[in-house]
N, C-alpha and C. Protein backbone atom coordinates (compact mmCIF):
# COMPACT_ATOMS: atom_id res chain seq x y z
N MET A 1 90.19 117.39 57.04
CA MET A 1 88.99 116.69 56.60
C MET A 1 89.36 115.72 55.49
N ASN A 2 88.90 114.48 55.61
CA ASN A 2 89.10 113.47 54.59
C ASN A 2 87.74 113.07 54.02
N ALA A 3 87.58 113.19 52.71
CA ALA A 3 86.32 112.84 52.06
C ALA A 3 86.60 111.85 50.94
N THR A 4 85.94 110.69 51.01
CA THR A 4 86.12 109.65 50.01
C THR A 4 84.77 109.22 49.47
N PHE A 5 84.66 109.18 48.15
CA PHE A 5 83.42 108.75 47.51
C PHE A 5 83.75 107.76 46.41
N ASP A 6 83.07 106.61 46.43
CA ASP A 6 83.32 105.56 45.45
C ASP A 6 81.98 105.03 44.94
N ASN A 7 81.72 105.21 43.65
CA ASN A 7 80.48 104.75 43.04
C ASN A 7 80.79 103.80 41.89
N THR A 8 80.26 102.58 41.97
CA THR A 8 80.49 101.56 40.95
C THR A 8 79.15 101.02 40.47
N SER A 9 78.99 100.95 39.15
CA SER A 9 77.78 100.41 38.56
C SER A 9 78.17 99.44 37.45
N GLU A 10 77.68 98.21 37.55
CA GLU A 10 78.00 97.18 36.56
C GLU A 10 76.71 96.52 36.07
N SER A 11 76.68 96.24 34.78
CA SER A 11 75.53 95.55 34.18
C SER A 11 76.04 94.52 33.19
N GLN A 12 75.53 93.30 33.29
CA GLN A 12 75.92 92.23 32.39
C GLN A 12 74.68 91.48 31.91
N ALA A 13 74.68 91.16 30.63
CA ALA A 13 73.57 90.39 30.05
C ALA A 13 74.14 89.35 29.09
N SER A 14 73.60 88.15 29.15
CA SER A 14 74.07 87.08 28.28
C SER A 14 72.89 86.21 27.87
N GLY A 15 72.98 85.62 26.68
CA GLY A 15 71.93 84.74 26.17
C GLY A 15 72.14 84.46 24.71
N PHE A 16 71.08 84.00 24.06
CA PHE A 16 71.22 83.60 22.66
C PHE A 16 71.09 84.79 21.71
N THR A 17 70.16 85.69 21.98
CA THR A 17 69.95 86.78 21.04
C THR A 17 69.28 87.96 21.74
N GLY A 18 69.47 89.16 21.14
CA GLY A 18 68.81 90.37 21.61
C GLY A 18 69.13 90.77 23.03
N GLN A 19 70.38 90.77 23.38
CA GLN A 19 70.78 91.12 24.74
C GLN A 19 71.01 92.63 24.88
N ASN A 20 70.59 93.19 26.01
CA ASN A 20 70.76 94.61 26.29
C ASN A 20 71.32 94.80 27.70
N SER A 21 72.33 95.66 27.79
CA SER A 21 72.95 95.92 29.08
C SER A 21 73.24 97.42 29.19
N MET A 22 72.88 98.00 30.35
CA MET A 22 73.14 99.43 30.55
C MET A 22 73.54 99.69 31.99
N ALA A 23 74.62 100.46 32.16
CA ALA A 23 75.05 100.95 33.48
C ALA A 23 75.07 102.47 33.42
N ALA A 24 74.37 103.11 34.34
CA ALA A 24 74.26 104.57 34.31
C ALA A 24 74.36 105.12 35.73
N SER A 25 75.04 106.25 35.86
CA SER A 25 75.17 106.89 37.17
C SER A 25 75.68 108.31 36.99
N PHE A 26 75.20 109.21 37.86
CA PHE A 26 75.70 110.58 37.90
C PHE A 26 75.90 110.98 39.36
N VAL A 27 77.06 111.49 39.66
CA VAL A 27 77.44 111.77 41.04
C VAL A 27 77.78 113.25 41.20
N VAL A 28 77.28 113.86 42.29
CA VAL A 28 77.64 115.23 42.67
C VAL A 28 78.19 115.19 44.09
N ALA A 29 79.41 115.66 44.27
CA ALA A 29 80.05 115.70 45.59
C ALA A 29 80.56 117.11 45.86
N SER A 30 80.33 117.59 47.08
CA SER A 30 80.74 118.93 47.45
C SER A 30 81.32 118.91 48.86
N ASN A 31 82.54 119.44 49.01
CA ASN A 31 83.24 119.46 50.30
C ASN A 31 83.73 120.87 50.60
N PHE A 32 83.38 121.38 51.79
CA PHE A 32 83.77 122.72 52.21
C PHE A 32 84.44 122.66 53.58
N VAL A 33 85.57 123.33 53.72
CA VAL A 33 86.24 123.48 55.02
C VAL A 33 86.57 124.95 55.21
N ALA A 34 86.15 125.50 56.35
CA ALA A 34 86.45 126.89 56.68
C ALA A 34 86.98 126.96 58.10
N SER A 35 88.11 127.63 58.29
CA SER A 35 88.70 127.76 59.63
C SER A 35 89.43 129.09 59.72
N GLY A 36 89.74 129.49 60.95
CA GLY A 36 90.44 130.74 61.15
C GLY A 36 90.84 130.94 62.60
N ALA A 37 91.73 131.91 62.81
CA ALA A 37 92.19 132.21 64.17
C ALA A 37 92.50 133.71 64.27
N ARG A 38 92.21 134.26 65.46
CA ARG A 38 92.50 135.68 65.70
C ARG A 38 93.02 135.85 67.12
N ALA A 39 94.09 136.63 67.24
CA ALA A 39 94.62 137.01 68.55
C ALA A 39 94.81 138.52 68.56
N ALA A 40 94.37 139.16 69.64
CA ALA A 40 94.40 140.62 69.63
C ALA A 40 94.50 141.18 71.04
N ILE A 41 95.11 142.35 71.13
CA ILE A 41 95.04 143.22 72.29
C ILE A 41 94.41 144.51 71.79
N GLU A 42 93.29 144.88 72.39
CA GLU A 42 92.61 146.08 71.91
C GLU A 42 91.88 146.77 73.05
N GLY A 43 91.71 148.05 72.89
CA GLY A 43 90.99 148.81 73.91
C GLY A 43 91.02 150.28 73.57
N GLY A 44 90.52 151.08 74.49
CA GLY A 44 90.47 152.52 74.30
C GLY A 44 91.76 153.16 74.77
N ASN A 45 92.84 152.88 74.04
CA ASN A 45 94.17 153.42 74.36
C ASN A 45 94.62 153.10 75.79
N PRO A 46 94.60 151.82 76.19
CA PRO A 46 95.09 151.48 77.52
C PRO A 46 96.62 151.55 77.57
N GLN A 47 97.16 151.77 78.74
CA GLN A 47 98.61 151.78 78.97
C GLN A 47 98.98 150.43 79.61
N ILE A 48 99.78 149.63 78.92
CA ILE A 48 100.13 148.29 79.40
C ILE A 48 101.64 148.20 79.54
N ASP A 49 102.10 147.88 80.78
CA ASP A 49 103.51 147.60 81.03
C ASP A 49 103.60 146.15 81.44
N ALA A 50 104.09 145.32 80.52
CA ALA A 50 104.05 143.87 80.73
C ALA A 50 105.08 143.40 81.74
N GLY A 51 106.18 144.10 81.88
CA GLY A 51 107.23 143.64 82.78
C GLY A 51 107.95 142.41 82.27
N GLY A 52 107.80 142.09 81.01
CA GLY A 52 108.42 140.92 80.38
C GLY A 52 108.13 140.95 78.88
N ALA A 53 108.26 139.79 78.26
CA ALA A 53 108.02 139.70 76.82
C ALA A 53 106.52 139.70 76.53
N VAL A 54 106.15 140.33 75.43
CA VAL A 54 104.76 140.37 74.99
C VAL A 54 104.66 139.63 73.64
N SER A 55 103.73 138.70 73.57
CA SER A 55 103.56 137.93 72.35
C SER A 55 102.08 137.85 71.99
N VAL A 56 101.76 138.27 70.79
CA VAL A 56 100.39 138.17 70.27
C VAL A 56 100.48 137.31 69.00
N LYS A 57 100.04 136.06 69.12
CA LYS A 57 100.21 135.10 68.02
C LYS A 57 98.87 134.47 67.64
N ALA A 58 98.67 134.31 66.33
CA ALA A 58 97.52 133.57 65.81
C ALA A 58 98.04 132.59 64.76
N SER A 59 97.60 131.34 64.89
CA SER A 59 98.08 130.30 63.98
C SER A 59 96.91 129.40 63.59
N ASP A 60 96.84 129.06 62.31
CA ASP A 60 95.77 128.18 61.83
C ASP A 60 96.34 127.25 60.76
N THR A 61 96.06 125.96 60.92
CA THR A 61 96.46 124.95 59.94
C THR A 61 95.22 124.15 59.55
N SER A 62 94.91 124.11 58.27
CA SER A 62 93.73 123.40 57.80
C SER A 62 94.07 122.56 56.57
N GLY A 63 93.32 121.47 56.39
CA GLY A 63 93.57 120.59 55.26
C GLY A 63 92.31 119.90 54.78
N LEU A 64 92.28 119.58 53.50
CA LEU A 64 91.17 118.86 52.90
C LEU A 64 91.74 117.86 51.90
N ASN A 65 91.41 116.57 52.12
CA ASN A 65 91.79 115.51 51.20
C ASN A 65 90.51 114.92 50.61
N SER A 66 90.39 114.97 49.29
CA SER A 66 89.19 114.50 48.61
C SER A 66 89.56 113.48 47.54
N ASP A 67 88.93 112.29 47.61
CA ASP A 67 89.13 111.24 46.62
C ASP A 67 87.77 110.77 46.12
N SER A 68 87.52 110.91 44.82
CA SER A 68 86.23 110.55 44.24
C SER A 68 86.45 109.62 43.05
N THR A 69 85.66 108.54 43.02
CA THR A 69 85.80 107.54 41.98
C THR A 69 84.43 107.13 41.46
N ILE A 70 84.32 107.01 40.14
CA ILE A 70 83.11 106.47 39.52
C ILE A 70 83.52 105.47 38.45
N SER A 71 82.88 104.30 38.46
CA SER A 71 83.21 103.25 37.51
C SER A 71 81.92 102.66 36.94
N LEU A 72 81.81 102.65 35.62
CA LEU A 72 80.63 102.13 34.93
C LEU A 72 81.06 101.07 33.93
N VAL A 73 80.46 99.89 34.02
CA VAL A 73 80.81 98.78 33.13
C VAL A 73 79.52 98.14 32.63
N ALA A 74 79.38 98.06 31.32
CA ALA A 74 78.25 97.39 30.69
C ALA A 74 78.77 96.36 29.69
N GLU A 75 78.30 95.12 29.81
CA GLU A 75 78.78 94.04 28.95
C GLU A 75 77.61 93.16 28.50
N THR A 76 77.69 92.72 27.24
CA THR A 76 76.72 91.74 26.74
C THR A 76 77.47 90.58 26.11
N THR A 77 76.88 89.41 26.23
CA THR A 77 77.44 88.19 25.63
C THR A 77 76.32 87.43 24.95
N SER A 78 76.51 87.11 23.67
CA SER A 78 75.47 86.42 22.90
C SER A 78 76.08 85.22 22.19
N ASP A 79 75.31 84.13 22.14
CA ASP A 79 75.75 82.94 21.43
C ASP A 79 75.38 82.98 19.96
N ASN A 80 74.61 83.98 19.57
CA ASN A 80 74.18 84.13 18.17
C ASN A 80 74.99 85.24 17.52
N GLU A 81 75.78 84.89 16.52
CA GLU A 81 76.66 85.88 15.92
C GLU A 81 75.92 86.92 15.09
N PHE A 82 74.64 86.70 14.81
CA PHE A 82 73.83 87.67 14.07
C PHE A 82 72.92 88.50 14.98
N SER A 83 73.05 88.34 16.27
CA SER A 83 72.16 89.02 17.22
C SER A 83 72.49 90.51 17.32
N ASP A 84 71.44 91.34 17.46
CA ASP A 84 71.62 92.77 17.69
C ASP A 84 71.67 93.02 19.19
N ASP A 85 72.86 93.07 19.73
CA ASP A 85 73.06 93.24 21.18
C ASP A 85 73.57 94.65 21.46
N ASN A 86 73.10 95.24 22.56
CA ASN A 86 73.46 96.61 22.91
C ASN A 86 74.07 96.67 24.30
N ALA A 87 75.11 97.48 24.43
CA ALA A 87 75.74 97.72 25.73
C ALA A 87 76.00 99.22 25.85
N MET A 88 75.52 99.81 26.93
CA MET A 88 75.69 101.25 27.13
C MET A 88 76.15 101.55 28.56
N ALA A 89 77.19 102.37 28.68
CA ALA A 89 77.68 102.87 29.97
C ALA A 89 77.63 104.39 29.92
N LEU A 90 76.76 104.97 30.72
CA LEU A 90 76.50 106.42 30.67
C LEU A 90 76.67 107.00 32.07
N GLY A 91 77.55 107.98 32.20
CA GLY A 91 77.76 108.52 33.55
C GLY A 91 78.45 109.87 33.56
N GLY A 92 78.55 110.41 34.76
CA GLY A 92 79.23 111.67 34.97
C GLY A 92 79.47 111.91 36.45
N ILE A 93 80.45 112.73 36.73
CA ILE A 93 80.77 113.06 38.12
C ILE A 93 81.14 114.54 38.20
N SER A 94 80.61 115.21 39.21
CA SER A 94 80.88 116.63 39.45
C SER A 94 81.35 116.79 40.89
N VAL A 95 82.55 117.31 41.07
CA VAL A 95 83.14 117.43 42.41
C VAL A 95 83.61 118.86 42.63
N ARG A 96 83.21 119.42 43.76
CA ARG A 96 83.67 120.75 44.14
C ARG A 96 84.29 120.71 45.53
N ASN A 97 85.51 121.23 45.65
CA ASN A 97 86.22 121.29 46.93
C ASN A 97 86.63 122.73 47.21
N VAL A 98 86.30 123.22 48.40
CA VAL A 98 86.67 124.58 48.80
C VAL A 98 87.31 124.53 50.18
N LEU A 99 88.49 125.11 50.30
CA LEU A 99 89.20 125.19 51.58
C LEU A 99 89.52 126.65 51.86
N GLU A 100 89.04 127.14 53.01
CA GLU A 100 89.26 128.54 53.38
C GLU A 100 89.89 128.60 54.78
N GLY A 101 90.90 129.42 54.91
CA GLY A 101 91.54 129.61 56.21
C GLY A 101 92.15 130.99 56.30
N GLY A 102 92.34 131.46 57.52
CA GLY A 102 92.94 132.78 57.68
C GLY A 102 93.25 133.09 59.14
N THR A 103 94.22 133.97 59.35
CA THR A 103 94.61 134.36 60.71
C THR A 103 94.81 135.86 60.78
N VAL A 104 94.54 136.40 61.99
CA VAL A 104 94.77 137.82 62.26
C VAL A 104 95.40 137.94 63.64
N ALA A 105 96.50 138.65 63.72
CA ALA A 105 97.13 138.99 64.99
C ALA A 105 97.33 140.50 65.00
N GLU A 106 96.81 141.17 66.03
CA GLU A 106 96.85 142.63 65.97
C GLU A 106 96.80 143.26 67.37
N VAL A 107 97.33 144.46 67.41
CA VAL A 107 97.22 145.33 68.58
C VAL A 107 96.50 146.59 68.11
N LEU A 108 95.38 146.88 68.76
CA LEU A 108 94.55 147.99 68.33
C LEU A 108 94.34 148.97 69.49
N ASN A 109 94.69 150.22 69.23
CA ASN A 109 94.39 151.29 70.21
C ASN A 109 94.93 150.96 71.60
N ALA A 110 96.21 150.54 71.64
CA ALA A 110 96.82 150.18 72.94
C ALA A 110 98.30 150.56 72.91
N ASP A 111 98.78 151.11 74.00
CA ASP A 111 100.19 151.42 74.17
C ASP A 111 100.81 150.36 75.07
N ILE A 112 101.81 149.65 74.53
CA ILE A 112 102.37 148.49 75.23
C ILE A 112 103.87 148.66 75.40
N THR A 113 104.32 148.35 76.62
CA THR A 113 105.75 148.34 76.92
C THR A 113 106.12 146.95 77.43
N GLY A 114 107.22 146.41 76.91
CA GLY A 114 107.68 145.09 77.35
C GLY A 114 109.13 144.89 76.99
N ASP A 115 109.70 143.79 77.50
CA ASP A 115 111.10 143.52 77.14
C ASP A 115 111.24 143.34 75.64
N SER A 116 110.33 142.60 75.03
CA SER A 116 110.25 142.46 73.58
C SER A 116 108.77 142.33 73.21
N ILE A 117 108.45 142.66 71.97
CA ILE A 117 107.06 142.60 71.52
C ILE A 117 107.01 141.87 70.18
N GLU A 118 106.17 140.86 70.14
CA GLU A 118 106.02 140.07 68.92
C GLU A 118 104.54 139.99 68.53
N ILE A 119 104.26 140.35 67.29
CA ILE A 119 102.93 140.18 66.72
C ILE A 119 103.09 139.27 65.50
N SER A 120 102.47 138.11 65.55
CA SER A 120 102.72 137.11 64.52
C SER A 120 101.43 136.42 64.09
N ALA A 121 101.24 136.30 62.76
CA ALA A 121 100.10 135.58 62.19
C ALA A 121 100.63 134.54 61.20
N GLU A 122 100.20 133.29 61.38
CA GLU A 122 100.63 132.21 60.50
C GLU A 122 99.41 131.43 60.01
N ASN A 123 99.33 131.26 58.71
CA ASN A 123 98.23 130.49 58.13
C ASN A 123 98.78 129.46 57.15
N SER A 124 98.28 128.23 57.25
CA SER A 124 98.69 127.16 56.35
C SER A 124 97.46 126.37 55.93
N ALA A 125 97.25 126.23 54.62
CA ALA A 125 96.10 125.50 54.10
C ALA A 125 96.57 124.63 52.93
N LYS A 126 96.14 123.36 52.96
CA LYS A 126 96.57 122.41 51.92
C LYS A 126 95.38 121.59 51.44
N LEU A 127 95.18 121.57 50.13
CA LEU A 127 94.10 120.81 49.51
C LEU A 127 94.69 119.79 48.54
N GLU A 128 94.32 118.53 48.74
CA GLU A 128 94.70 117.46 47.82
C GLU A 128 93.42 116.81 47.30
N ALA A 129 93.27 116.75 45.97
CA ALA A 129 92.03 116.23 45.40
C ALA A 129 92.34 115.36 44.20
N SER A 130 91.57 114.27 44.07
CA SER A 130 91.71 113.39 42.91
C SER A 130 90.33 112.92 42.47
N VAL A 131 90.16 112.82 41.16
CA VAL A 131 88.95 112.28 40.55
C VAL A 131 89.39 111.21 39.55
N ASP A 132 88.82 110.01 39.69
CA ASP A 132 89.14 108.89 38.81
C ASP A 132 87.83 108.36 38.23
N ALA A 133 87.64 108.52 36.93
CA ALA A 133 86.38 108.13 36.29
C ALA A 133 86.66 107.11 35.18
N GLU A 134 85.75 106.14 35.05
CA GLU A 134 85.91 105.11 34.03
C GLU A 134 84.53 104.69 33.51
N ALA A 135 84.41 104.53 32.19
CA ALA A 135 83.20 104.01 31.57
C ALA A 135 83.60 103.04 30.48
N SER A 136 83.00 101.85 30.50
CA SER A 136 83.36 100.81 29.54
C SER A 136 82.11 100.10 29.03
N ALA A 137 82.00 99.98 27.72
CA ALA A 137 80.90 99.24 27.09
C ALA A 137 81.50 98.22 26.13
N ALA A 138 81.15 96.96 26.31
CA ALA A 138 81.75 95.90 25.50
C ALA A 138 80.74 94.80 25.26
N GLY A 139 80.99 94.02 24.21
CA GLY A 139 80.14 92.88 23.92
C GLY A 139 79.55 92.96 22.54
N GLY A 140 78.35 92.43 22.39
CA GLY A 140 77.72 92.40 21.08
C GLY A 140 78.12 91.16 20.31
N SER A 141 77.46 90.94 19.21
CA SER A 141 77.73 89.76 18.39
C SER A 141 78.70 90.12 17.27
N THR A 142 79.15 89.10 16.58
CA THR A 142 80.15 89.31 15.53
C THR A 142 79.57 90.02 14.32
N LEU A 143 78.39 89.61 13.88
CA LEU A 143 77.79 90.15 12.66
C LEU A 143 76.53 90.97 12.91
N GLY A 144 76.11 91.11 14.16
CA GLY A 144 74.90 91.85 14.47
C GLY A 144 75.09 93.35 14.38
N ALA A 145 73.97 94.07 14.45
CA ALA A 145 74.00 95.53 14.31
C ALA A 145 73.83 96.23 15.65
N GLY A 146 74.21 95.60 16.72
CA GLY A 146 74.06 96.21 18.04
C GLY A 146 75.00 97.38 18.25
N THR A 147 74.76 98.12 19.34
CA THR A 147 75.55 99.32 19.65
C THR A 147 76.26 99.17 20.98
N GLN A 148 77.51 99.55 20.99
CA GLN A 148 78.26 99.66 22.23
C GLN A 148 78.63 101.14 22.41
N LEU A 149 78.11 101.75 23.45
CA LEU A 149 78.29 103.18 23.67
C LEU A 149 78.75 103.45 25.09
N ALA A 150 79.83 104.19 25.22
CA ALA A 150 80.35 104.59 26.53
C ALA A 150 80.49 106.11 26.55
N VAL A 151 79.87 106.76 27.52
CA VAL A 151 79.93 108.21 27.66
C VAL A 151 80.20 108.55 29.13
N ASN A 152 81.17 109.41 29.36
CA ASN A 152 81.49 109.80 30.74
C ASN A 152 81.97 111.24 30.76
N ALA A 153 81.50 112.01 31.73
CA ALA A 153 81.87 113.42 31.86
C ALA A 153 82.39 113.69 33.27
N VAL A 154 83.42 114.51 33.37
CA VAL A 154 84.02 114.88 34.66
C VAL A 154 84.08 116.41 34.75
N ILE A 155 83.57 116.94 35.85
CA ILE A 155 83.72 118.36 36.18
C ILE A 155 84.33 118.44 37.57
N ALA A 156 85.49 119.07 37.67
CA ALA A 156 86.19 119.18 38.95
C ALA A 156 86.57 120.63 39.21
N SER A 157 86.26 121.11 40.41
CA SER A 157 86.59 122.48 40.80
C SER A 157 87.24 122.46 42.18
N ASN A 158 88.42 123.05 42.29
CA ASN A 158 89.15 123.09 43.55
C ASN A 158 89.59 124.52 43.84
N THR A 159 89.30 125.00 45.04
CA THR A 159 89.62 126.37 45.42
C THR A 159 90.25 126.40 46.81
N VAL A 160 91.37 127.09 46.92
CA VAL A 160 92.03 127.30 48.21
C VAL A 160 92.15 128.80 48.45
N LEU A 161 91.58 129.26 49.57
CA LEU A 161 91.62 130.67 49.93
C LEU A 161 92.26 130.81 51.31
N GLY A 162 93.05 131.86 51.50
CA GLY A 162 93.64 132.06 52.82
C GLY A 162 94.44 133.34 52.88
N GLY A 163 94.65 133.79 54.10
CA GLY A 163 95.44 135.00 54.29
C GLY A 163 95.94 135.11 55.71
N ALA A 164 96.94 135.93 55.89
CA ALA A 164 97.50 136.18 57.23
C ALA A 164 97.75 137.67 57.37
N LEU A 165 97.31 138.25 58.50
CA LEU A 165 97.45 139.68 58.75
C LEU A 165 98.01 139.90 60.15
N ALA A 166 99.10 140.62 60.23
CA ALA A 166 99.69 141.03 61.51
C ALA A 166 99.86 142.54 61.47
N GLN A 167 99.38 143.24 62.53
CA GLN A 167 99.44 144.68 62.48
C GLN A 167 99.31 145.30 63.87
N GLY A 168 99.85 146.51 63.97
CA GLY A 168 99.62 147.36 65.11
C GLY A 168 99.00 148.66 64.61
N VAL A 169 97.81 149.00 65.12
CA VAL A 169 97.07 150.15 64.62
C VAL A 169 96.77 151.10 65.77
N ASN A 170 97.10 152.37 65.57
CA ASN A 170 96.85 153.39 66.59
C ASN A 170 97.44 152.97 67.95
N SER A 171 98.64 152.44 67.91
CA SER A 171 99.27 151.90 69.12
C SER A 171 100.74 152.32 69.17
N GLU A 172 101.25 152.43 70.40
CA GLU A 172 102.67 152.69 70.62
C GLU A 172 103.29 151.45 71.25
N LEU A 173 104.26 150.87 70.55
CA LEU A 173 104.90 149.63 71.00
C LEU A 173 106.35 149.94 71.36
N THR A 174 106.70 149.66 72.63
CA THR A 174 108.04 149.96 73.13
C THR A 174 108.69 148.70 73.68
N ALA A 175 109.87 148.35 73.14
CA ALA A 175 110.61 147.19 73.61
C ALA A 175 111.83 147.69 74.39
N ASN A 176 111.93 147.29 75.69
CA ASN A 176 113.00 147.80 76.54
C ASN A 176 114.35 147.19 76.20
N THR A 177 114.37 145.87 75.96
CA THR A 177 115.65 145.20 75.75
C THR A 177 115.73 144.43 74.43
N GLY A 178 114.61 144.12 73.87
CA GLY A 178 114.61 143.31 72.65
C GLY A 178 114.07 144.07 71.46
N ASP A 179 113.40 143.33 70.58
CA ASP A 179 112.90 143.91 69.34
C ASP A 179 111.37 143.96 69.34
N VAL A 180 110.87 144.80 68.45
CA VAL A 180 109.46 144.78 68.09
C VAL A 180 109.34 144.08 66.74
N SER A 181 108.63 142.97 66.73
CA SER A 181 108.53 142.14 65.53
C SER A 181 107.07 141.99 65.11
N VAL A 182 106.79 142.32 63.86
CA VAL A 182 105.46 142.16 63.29
C VAL A 182 105.60 141.33 62.00
N THR A 183 105.11 140.09 62.01
CA THR A 183 105.31 139.20 60.88
C THR A 183 104.01 138.48 60.52
N ALA A 184 103.86 138.19 59.24
CA ALA A 184 102.72 137.42 58.73
C ALA A 184 103.23 136.41 57.71
N ASP A 185 102.76 135.17 57.84
CA ASP A 185 103.19 134.10 56.94
C ASP A 185 101.95 133.35 56.44
N ASN A 186 101.78 133.31 55.13
CA ASN A 186 100.63 132.65 54.54
C ASN A 186 101.11 131.60 53.54
N SER A 187 100.72 130.33 53.75
CA SER A 187 101.15 129.24 52.89
C SER A 187 99.91 128.50 52.38
N LEU A 188 99.74 128.47 51.05
CA LEU A 188 98.61 127.79 50.42
C LEU A 188 99.14 126.74 49.44
N GLU A 189 98.58 125.53 49.50
CA GLU A 189 99.00 124.46 48.61
C GLU A 189 97.78 123.80 47.97
N LEU A 190 97.92 123.46 46.69
CA LEU A 190 96.84 122.78 45.97
C LEU A 190 97.45 121.75 45.04
N ALA A 191 97.01 120.49 45.19
CA ALA A 191 97.45 119.41 44.31
C ALA A 191 96.20 118.68 43.81
N ALA A 192 96.00 118.68 42.49
CA ALA A 192 94.79 118.10 41.91
C ALA A 192 95.16 117.13 40.79
N THR A 193 94.51 115.97 40.79
CA THR A 193 94.71 114.96 39.76
C THR A 193 93.34 114.50 39.25
N ASN A 194 93.15 114.54 37.93
CA ASN A 194 91.89 114.13 37.33
C ASN A 194 92.15 113.15 36.19
N ALA A 195 91.36 112.08 36.13
CA ALA A 195 91.50 111.08 35.08
C ALA A 195 90.12 110.63 34.62
N ASN A 196 89.97 110.49 33.31
CA ASN A 196 88.71 110.04 32.72
C ASN A 196 89.03 109.05 31.61
N GLN A 197 88.69 107.79 31.82
CA GLN A 197 89.00 106.74 30.86
C GLN A 197 87.70 106.18 30.28
N VAL A 198 87.59 106.20 28.95
CA VAL A 198 86.40 105.72 28.26
C VAL A 198 86.83 104.68 27.24
N SER A 199 86.18 103.52 27.27
CA SER A 199 86.49 102.46 26.31
C SER A 199 85.20 101.84 25.79
N SER A 200 85.18 101.55 24.48
CA SER A 200 83.99 101.00 23.87
C SER A 200 84.38 100.24 22.61
N GLY A 201 83.61 99.18 22.32
CA GLY A 201 83.82 98.47 21.07
C GLY A 201 83.23 99.18 19.88
N ASP A 202 82.49 100.27 20.12
CA ASP A 202 81.86 101.00 19.03
C ASP A 202 82.07 102.50 19.18
N GLN A 203 81.32 103.14 20.07
CA GLN A 203 81.40 104.58 20.22
C GLN A 203 81.74 104.95 21.66
N GLY A 204 82.64 105.91 21.81
CA GLY A 204 83.02 106.37 23.15
C GLY A 204 83.18 107.88 23.17
N VAL A 205 82.66 108.52 24.21
CA VAL A 205 82.75 109.97 24.35
C VAL A 205 83.19 110.30 25.78
N GLY A 206 84.24 111.08 25.89
CA GLY A 206 84.73 111.51 27.20
C GLY A 206 84.88 113.02 27.25
N VAL A 207 84.43 113.63 28.33
CA VAL A 207 84.52 115.08 28.50
C VAL A 207 85.10 115.37 29.88
N MET A 208 86.02 116.32 29.96
CA MET A 208 86.59 116.71 31.25
C MET A 208 86.74 118.22 31.32
N LEU A 209 86.25 118.80 32.43
CA LEU A 209 86.45 120.22 32.72
C LEU A 209 87.06 120.32 34.12
N ALA A 210 88.16 121.05 34.23
CA ALA A 210 88.84 121.18 35.52
C ALA A 210 89.13 122.66 35.79
N PHE A 211 88.79 123.10 37.01
CA PHE A 211 89.00 124.49 37.42
C PHE A 211 89.74 124.48 38.76
N ASN A 212 90.95 125.01 38.78
CA ASN A 212 91.74 125.07 40.00
C ASN A 212 92.14 126.52 40.27
N THR A 213 91.80 127.02 41.45
CA THR A 213 92.12 128.40 41.81
C THR A 213 92.79 128.43 43.17
N LEU A 214 93.79 129.28 43.27
CA LEU A 214 94.58 129.39 44.49
C LEU A 214 94.68 130.85 44.88
N GLY A 215 94.12 131.18 46.05
CA GLY A 215 94.31 132.51 46.59
C GLY A 215 93.22 133.51 46.29
N TYR A 216 92.24 133.14 45.46
CA TYR A 216 91.13 134.05 45.23
C TYR A 216 89.88 133.23 44.92
N GLU A 217 88.72 133.89 45.03
CA GLU A 217 87.45 133.19 44.90
C GLU A 217 87.23 132.72 43.48
N SER A 218 86.85 131.44 43.34
CA SER A 218 86.57 130.88 42.03
C SER A 218 85.30 131.48 41.45
N GLN A 219 85.32 131.73 40.14
CA GLN A 219 84.14 132.27 39.44
C GLN A 219 83.60 131.22 38.48
N ASN A 220 83.45 130.01 38.94
CA ASN A 220 83.00 128.90 38.11
C ASN A 220 81.48 128.98 37.93
N ILE A 221 81.04 129.34 36.75
CA ILE A 221 79.61 129.54 36.51
C ILE A 221 78.86 128.22 36.57
N LEU A 222 79.54 127.12 36.29
CA LEU A 222 78.87 125.82 36.33
C LEU A 222 78.41 125.50 37.76
N PHE A 223 79.29 125.68 38.72
CA PHE A 223 78.92 125.37 40.09
C PHE A 223 78.07 126.46 40.71
N GLN A 224 78.18 127.68 40.24
CA GLN A 224 77.28 128.71 40.71
C GLN A 224 75.84 128.37 40.32
N ALA A 225 75.67 127.79 39.15
CA ALA A 225 74.34 127.36 38.73
C ALA A 225 73.82 126.24 39.61
N LEU A 226 74.71 125.31 40.01
CA LEU A 226 74.30 124.23 40.89
C LEU A 226 73.91 124.76 42.27
N ASP A 227 74.66 125.76 42.77
CA ASP A 227 74.36 126.35 44.08
C ASP A 227 72.98 127.04 44.07
N ALA A 228 72.65 127.64 42.95
CA ALA A 228 71.37 128.34 42.84
C ALA A 228 70.21 127.34 42.87
């Protein structure tokens, strides 16, 4: 899954005196991917003679790429150096990404005979996320009492969950010529980049909160409140 969000807000004001410019925006983005695979032989203790190789395989590969951008620009231009001109850029962005995947390969309550027996579960999940935020307030007169204020907040939460299970339960597995192989492979990757740039000719405030979790459920109270 590829998710791209780009929000740009610009405000410009120019004149002789008393110019006001404001750019404001708040963005909430949420991306969820859930996938899984299961392969099984199961029954009430059946007797199975395959007469060849037996393979029970489950494989799942999932990915999420998220790119989010917010840009706020407020500018004023005045020809009067004593003018009280104001420029304000106010914004925030909240992004949540969740990627879940898992596989199960199993033999349950079955007796199997074959040349070789393989039970294999493979899971691969990769999350790449970036947040790029910018707020800029500029302008005003040389001697005036105007205000240039830039405020921007970033909240980013990224969670990757996954597992792989391979098993034989209440079963008898017999390999005539080869091996009995039971393997599970779980690969989870998370790459996150967050940037928040605030610039102002007077006052600037930037806030960033980032939560990255790999392999277990995130307990982010901020996003739990949003879900409610």
